[in-house]
C-alpha atoms as a PDB file:
ATOM      1  CA  ALA A   1      -3.464  14.034   9.535  1.00  0.00           C
ATOM      2  CA  ARG A   2      -4.761  11.730   7.130  1.00  0.00           C
ATOM      3  CA  ARG A   3      -5.526  14.105   4.385  1.00  0.00           C
ATOM      4  CA  MET A   4      -2.114  14.897   4.141  1.00  0.00           C
ATOM      5  CA  TYR A   5      -1.108  11.693   4.249  1.00  0.00           C
ATOM      6  CA  ASP A   6      -3.476  10.659   1.680  1.00  0.00           C
ATOM      7  CA  VAL A   7      -2.110  13.504  -0.580  1.00  0.00           C
ATOM      8  CA  ILE A   8       1.553  12.267  -0.460  1.00  0.00           C
ATOM      9  CA  SER A   9       0.956   8.351  -0.291  1.00  0.00           C
ATOM     10  CA  MET A  10      -1.761   8.020  -2.552  1.00  0.00           C
ATOM     11  CA  THR A  11      -0.089   9.948  -5.164  1.00  0.00           C
ATOM     12  CA  SER A  12       3.096   8.538  -4.733  1.00  0.00           C
ATOM     13  CA  ALA A  13       1.505   4.846  -4.874  1.00  0.00           C
ATOM     14  CA  GLY A  14      -0.383   6.143  -8.154  1.00  0.00           C
ATOM     15  CA  ALA A  15       2.804   7.174  -9.821  1.00  0.00           C
ATOM     16  CA  LEU A  16       5.236   4.548  -9.008  1.00  0.00           C
ATOM     17  CA  PHE A  17       2.639   2.002 -10.158  1.00  0.00           C
ATOM     18  CA  THR A  18       2.513   3.255 -13.464  1.00  0.00           C
ATOM     19  CA  CYS A  19       6.481   4.228 -13.877  1.00  0.00           C
ATOM     20  CA  GLY A  20       7.914   1.599 -11.632  1.00  0.00           C
ATOM     21  CA  PRO A  21       9.754   0.065 -14.385  1.00  0.00           C
ATOM     22  CA  LEU A  22      10.641   3.518 -15.902  1.00  0.00           C
ATOM     23  CA  VAL A  23      11.916   4.590 -12.327  1.00  0.00           C
ATOM     24  CA  VAL A  24      14.359   1.206 -12.381  1.00  0.00           C
ATOM     25  CA  HIS A  25      15.235   1.961 -15.596  1.00  0.00           C
ATOM     26  CA  LEU A  26      16.879   5.348 -14.857  1.00  0.00           C
ATOM     27  CA  LEU A  27      18.491   4.627 -11.519  1.00  0.00           C
ATOM     28  CA  TYR A  28      19.814   1.035 -12.456  1.00  0.00           C
ATOM     29  CA  ASP A  29      21.581  -0.751 -15.541  1.00  0.00           C
ATOM     30  CA  ASP A  30      19.910  -3.569 -17.315  1.00  0.00           C
ATOM     31  CA  ARG A  31      20.138  -6.115 -14.740  1.00  0.00           C
ATOM     32  CA  TYR A  32      17.880  -4.879 -12.716  1.00  0.00           C
ATOM     33  CA  VAL A  33      15.023  -4.353 -15.104  1.00  0.00           C
ATOM     34  CA  SER A  34      12.712  -6.844 -13.440  1.00  0.00           C
ATOM     35  CA  ALA A  35      12.646  -4.954 -10.258  1.00  0.00           C
ATOM     36  CA  GLY A  36      10.750  -2.503 -12.367  1.00  0.00           C
ATOM     37  CA  TRP A  37       7.595  -4.625 -11.911  1.00  0.00           C
ATOM     38  CA  MET A  38       8.322  -5.200  -8.329  1.00  0.00           C
ATOM     39  CA  LEU A  39       8.356  -1.613  -7.764  1.00  0.00           C
ATOM     40  CA  SER A  40       4.785  -1.076  -9.276  1.00  0.00           C
ATOM     41  CA  VAL A  41       3.426  -4.140  -7.229  1.00  0.00           C
ATOM     42  CA  LEU A  42       5.127  -3.028  -3.987  1.00  0.00           C
ATOM     43  CA  SER A  43       3.534   0.338  -4.284  1.00  0.00           C
ATOM     44  CA  CYS A  44       0.341  -0.853  -3.516  1.00  0.00           C
ATOM     45  CA  SER A  45       1.656  -1.159  -0.079  1.00  0.00           C
ATOM     46  CA  LEU A  46       1.732   2.464   0.239  1.00  0.00           C
ATOM     47  CA  ILE A  47      -2.295   2.724  -0.803  1.00  0.00           C
ATOM     48  CA  LEU A  48      -3.264   0.111   1.694  1.00  0.00           C
ATOM     49  CA  ALA A  49      -0.897   1.490   4.666  1.00  0.00           C
ATOM     50  CA  ARG A  50      -3.151   4.233   5.785  1.00  0.00           C
ATOM     51  CA  GLY A  51      -4.081   1.788   8.587  1.00  0.00           C
ATOM     52  CA  GLU A  52      -0.517   2.205   9.886  1.00  0.00           C
ATOM     53  CA  LEU A  53      -1.933   5.738  10.696  1.00  0.00           C
ATOM     54  CA  TYR A  54      -4.934   4.368  12.468  1.00  0.00           C
ATOM     55  CA  ASN A  55      -2.595   2.718  15.126  1.00  0.00           C
ATOM     56  CA  SER A  56      -1.927   6.426  16.366  1.00  0.00           C
ATOM     57  CA  ILE A  57      -5.720   6.645  16.527  1.00  0.00           C
ATOM     58  CA  TYR A  58      -5.807   3.694  19.008  1.00  0.00           C
ATOM     59  CA  PHE A  59      -2.971   5.178  21.035  1.00  0.00           C
ATOM     60  CA  THR A  60      -4.827   8.715  21.232  1.00  0.00           C
ATOM     61  CA  LEU A  61      -7.935   6.588  21.988  1.00  0.00           C
ATOM     62  CA  GLY A  62      -6.246   4.550  24.603  1.00  0.00           C
ATOM     63  CA  LYS A  63      -7.356   1.466  23.099  1.00  0.00           C
ATOM     64  CA  THR A  64      -3.699   0.185  22.710  1.00  0.00           C
ATOM     65  CA  LYS A  65      -4.672  -3.514  23.438  1.00  0.00           C
ATOM     66  CA  LEU A  66      -5.641  -3.559  19.712  1.00  0.00           C
ATOM     67  CA  LEU A  67      -2.647  -3.270  18.711  1.00  0.00           C
ATOM     68  CA  PRO A  68      -1.102  -6.843  18.991  1.00  0.00           C
ATOM     69  CA  ILE A  69      -4.415  -7.932  16.719  1.00  0.00           C
ATOM     70  CA  PHE A  70      -3.064  -5.929  13.730  1.00  0.00           C
ATOM     71  CA  SER A  71       0.754  -7.074  14.465  1.00  0.00           C
ATOM     72  CA  GLY A  72      -0.711 -10.754  14.757  1.00  0.00           C
ATOM     73  CA  ILE A  73      -2.077 -10.559  11.306  1.00  0.00           C
ATOM     74  CA  ALA A  74       0.944  -9.125   9.950  1.00  0.00           C
ATOM     75  CA  LEU A  75       3.121 -11.989  11.420  1.00  0.00           C
ATOM     76  CA  LEU A  76       0.809 -14.466   9.977  1.00  0.00           C
ATOM     77  CA  THR A  77       0.759 -12.918   6.518  1.00  0.00           C
ATOM     78  CA  LEU A  78       4.452 -12.984   6.498  1.00  0.00           C
ATOM     79  CA  PHE A  79       4.759 -16.596   7.688  1.00  0.00           C
ATOM     80  CA  ILE A  80       1.748 -18.325   5.830  1.00  0.00           C
ATOM     81  CA  LEU A  81       0.576 -16.052   2.940  1.00  0.00           C
ATOM     82  CA  VAL A  82       4.064 -14.772   1.591  1.00  0.00           C
ATOM     83  CA  PRO A  83       5.341 -18.324   1.585  1.00  0.00           C
ATOM     84  CA  TRP A  84       1.648 -19.783   0.266  1.00  0.00           C
ATOM     85  CA  GLY A  85       2.123 -17.022  -2.554  1.00  0.00           C
ATOM     86  CA  HIS A  86       5.265 -18.306  -3.724  1.00  0.00           C
ATOM     87  CA  HIS A  87       4.335 -21.843  -3.568  1.00  0.00           C
ATOM     88  CA  LEU A  88       1.554 -20.885  -6.065  1.00  0.00           C
ATOM     89  CA  ALA A  89       3.226 -18.377  -8.561  1.00  0.00           C
ATOM     90  CA  GLY A  90       6.548 -18.208  -7.564  1.00  0.00           C
ATOM     91  CA  LEU A  91       8.459 -14.677  -6.756  1.00  0.00           C
ATOM     92  CA  LYS A  92       5.460 -12.960  -8.400  1.00  0.00           C
ATOM     93  CA  GLY A  93       3.195 -14.568  -6.137  1.00  0.00           C
ATOM     94  CA  ALA A  94       5.111 -13.594  -2.762  1.00  0.00           C
ATOM     95  CA  ILE A  95       5.434 -10.150  -4.215  1.00  0.00           C
ATOM     96  CA  TRP A  96       2.091  -9.513  -4.847  1.00  0.00           C
ATOM     97  CA  VAL A  97       0.998 -11.027  -1.263  1.00  0.00           C
ATOM     98  CA  MET A  98       3.685  -8.174  -0.065  1.00  0.00           C
ATOM     99  CA  GLY A  99       2.206  -5.685  -1.716  1.00  0.00           C
ATOM    100  CA  LEU A 100      -1.537  -6.482  -0.883  1.00  0.00           C
ATOM    101  CA  ARG A 101      -0.968  -7.555   2.950  1.00  0.00           C
ATOM    102  CA  HIS A 102      -2.199  -4.637   4.623  1.00  0.00           C
ATOM    103  CA  LEU A 103      -5.446  -5.083   2.590  1.00  0.00           C
ATOM    104  CA  LEU A 104      -6.082  -7.978   5.502  1.00  0.00           C
ATOM    105  CA  VAL A 105      -6.142  -5.334   8.159  1.00  0.00           C
ATOM    106  CA  LEU A 106      -8.487  -3.007   6.647  1.00  0.00           C
ATOM    107  CA  PRO A 107     -11.875  -4.654   7.556  1.00  0.00           C
ATOM    108  CA  VAL A 108     -10.565  -4.927  11.042  1.00  0.00           C
ATOM    109  CA  HIS A 109      -9.388  -0.890  11.187  1.00  0.00           C
ATOM    110  CA  TYR A 110     -12.760  -0.079   9.868  1.00  0.00           C
ATOM    111  CA  TYR A 111     -14.730  -1.888  12.370  1.00  0.00           C
ATOM    112  CA  PHE A 112     -12.923  -0.624  15.291  1.00  0.00           C
ATOM    113  CA  LEU A 113     -13.014   2.894  13.915  1.00  0.00           C
ATOM    114  CA  SER A 114     -16.854   2.446  13.119  1.00  0.00           C
ATOM    115  CA  LYS A 115     -17.333   1.805  17.033  1.00  0.00           C
ATOM    116  CA  HIS A 116     -15.703   5.353  17.371  1.00  0.00           C
ATOM    117  CA  HIS A 117     -17.490   7.074  14.532  1.00  0.00           C
ATOM    118  CA  LEU A 118     -14.110   7.721  12.779  1.00  0.00           C
ATOM    119  CA  ASN A 119     -15.018   6.157   9.423  1.00  0.00           C
ATOM    120  CA  ARG A 120     -15.118   8.548   6.971  1.00  0.00           C
ATOM    121  CA  PHE A 121     -15.599   7.014   3.582  1.00  0.00           C
ATOM    122  CA  GLN A 122     -15.759  10.413   1.450  1.00  0.00           C
ATOM    123  CA  ASP A 123     -12.019  10.777   2.589  1.00  0.00           C
ATOM    124  CA  ALA A 124     -11.390   7.149   0.928  1.00  0.00           C
ATOM    125  CA  ALA A 125     -12.879   8.298  -2.080  1.00  0.00           C
ATOM    126  CA  VAL A 126     -10.903  11.386  -2.364  1.00  0.00           C
ATOM    127  CA  ALA A 127      -7.899   9.210  -1.637  1.00  0.00           C
ATOM    128  CA  VAL A 128      -8.761   7.327  -4.772  1.00  0.00           C
ATOM    129  CA  LEU A 129      -8.732  10.396  -6.752  1.00  0.00           C
ATOM    130  CA  TYR A 130      -5.143  10.727  -5.510  1.00  0.00           C
ATOM    131  CA  TRP A 131      -4.032   7.750  -6.578  1.00  0.00           C
ATOM    132  CA  VAL A 132      -5.544   8.100 -10.142  1.00  0.00           C
ATOM    133  CA  LEU A 133      -3.683  11.534 -10.188  1.00  0.00           C
ATOM    134  CA  GLY A 134      -0.663  10.215  -9.345  1.00  0.00           C
ATOM    135  CA  ALA A 135      -1.083   6.979 -12.060  1.00  0.00           C
ATOM    136  CA  LEU A 136      -1.854   9.988 -14.503  1.00  0.00           C
ATOM    137  CA  ILE A 137       1.663  11.884 -13.855  1.00  0.00           C
ATOM    138  CA  GLY A 138       3.242   8.718 -13.611  1.00  0.00           C
ATOM    139  CA  LEU A 139       1.981   7.460 -16.896  1.00  0.00           C
ATOM    140  CA  GLY A 140       3.016  11.061 -18.343  1.00  0.00           C
ATOM    141  CA  TYR A 141       6.342  10.560 -17.210  1.00  0.00           C
ATOM    142  CA  SER A 142       6.652   7.352 -18.747  1.00  0.00           C
ATOM    143  CA  VAL A 143       5.251   8.400 -22.157  1.00  0.00           C
ATOM    144  CA  VAL A 144       7.513  11.612 -21.965  1.00  0.00           C
ATOM    145  CA  LEU A 145      10.789   9.898 -20.686  1.00  0.00           C
ATOM    146  CA  GLN A 146      10.547   6.837 -23.073  1.00  0.00           C
END
């Protein structure tokens, strides 16, 4: 399941990262031009959202007591780091925190997955290649359509 998820989400994330402004330009008028960079930044959450798939693994393993840990980290991110990012860098800081918020949870996921011998770092490496492929596709679209 993770491999198929990686193909779709990582390729989409790469494409949106490089052509987010183009997508917004094609879909909306000039009033929304600033949403293009936001779409690019928020596409990073697709990269890191692979961790959401891990929740299904915890259910399958009967480790549902782990899920509040991840909810707690998400809650702290939203109530502490988003306002802090906004304080430091305004809207851009808040958007970057939202785009990268899953990054805080990944080490915890990898710790618990390693206890069950479920970490496959070669899958993560292949996922990065899908992101690069998507980024190249998005860049190609941006060059052709601009």
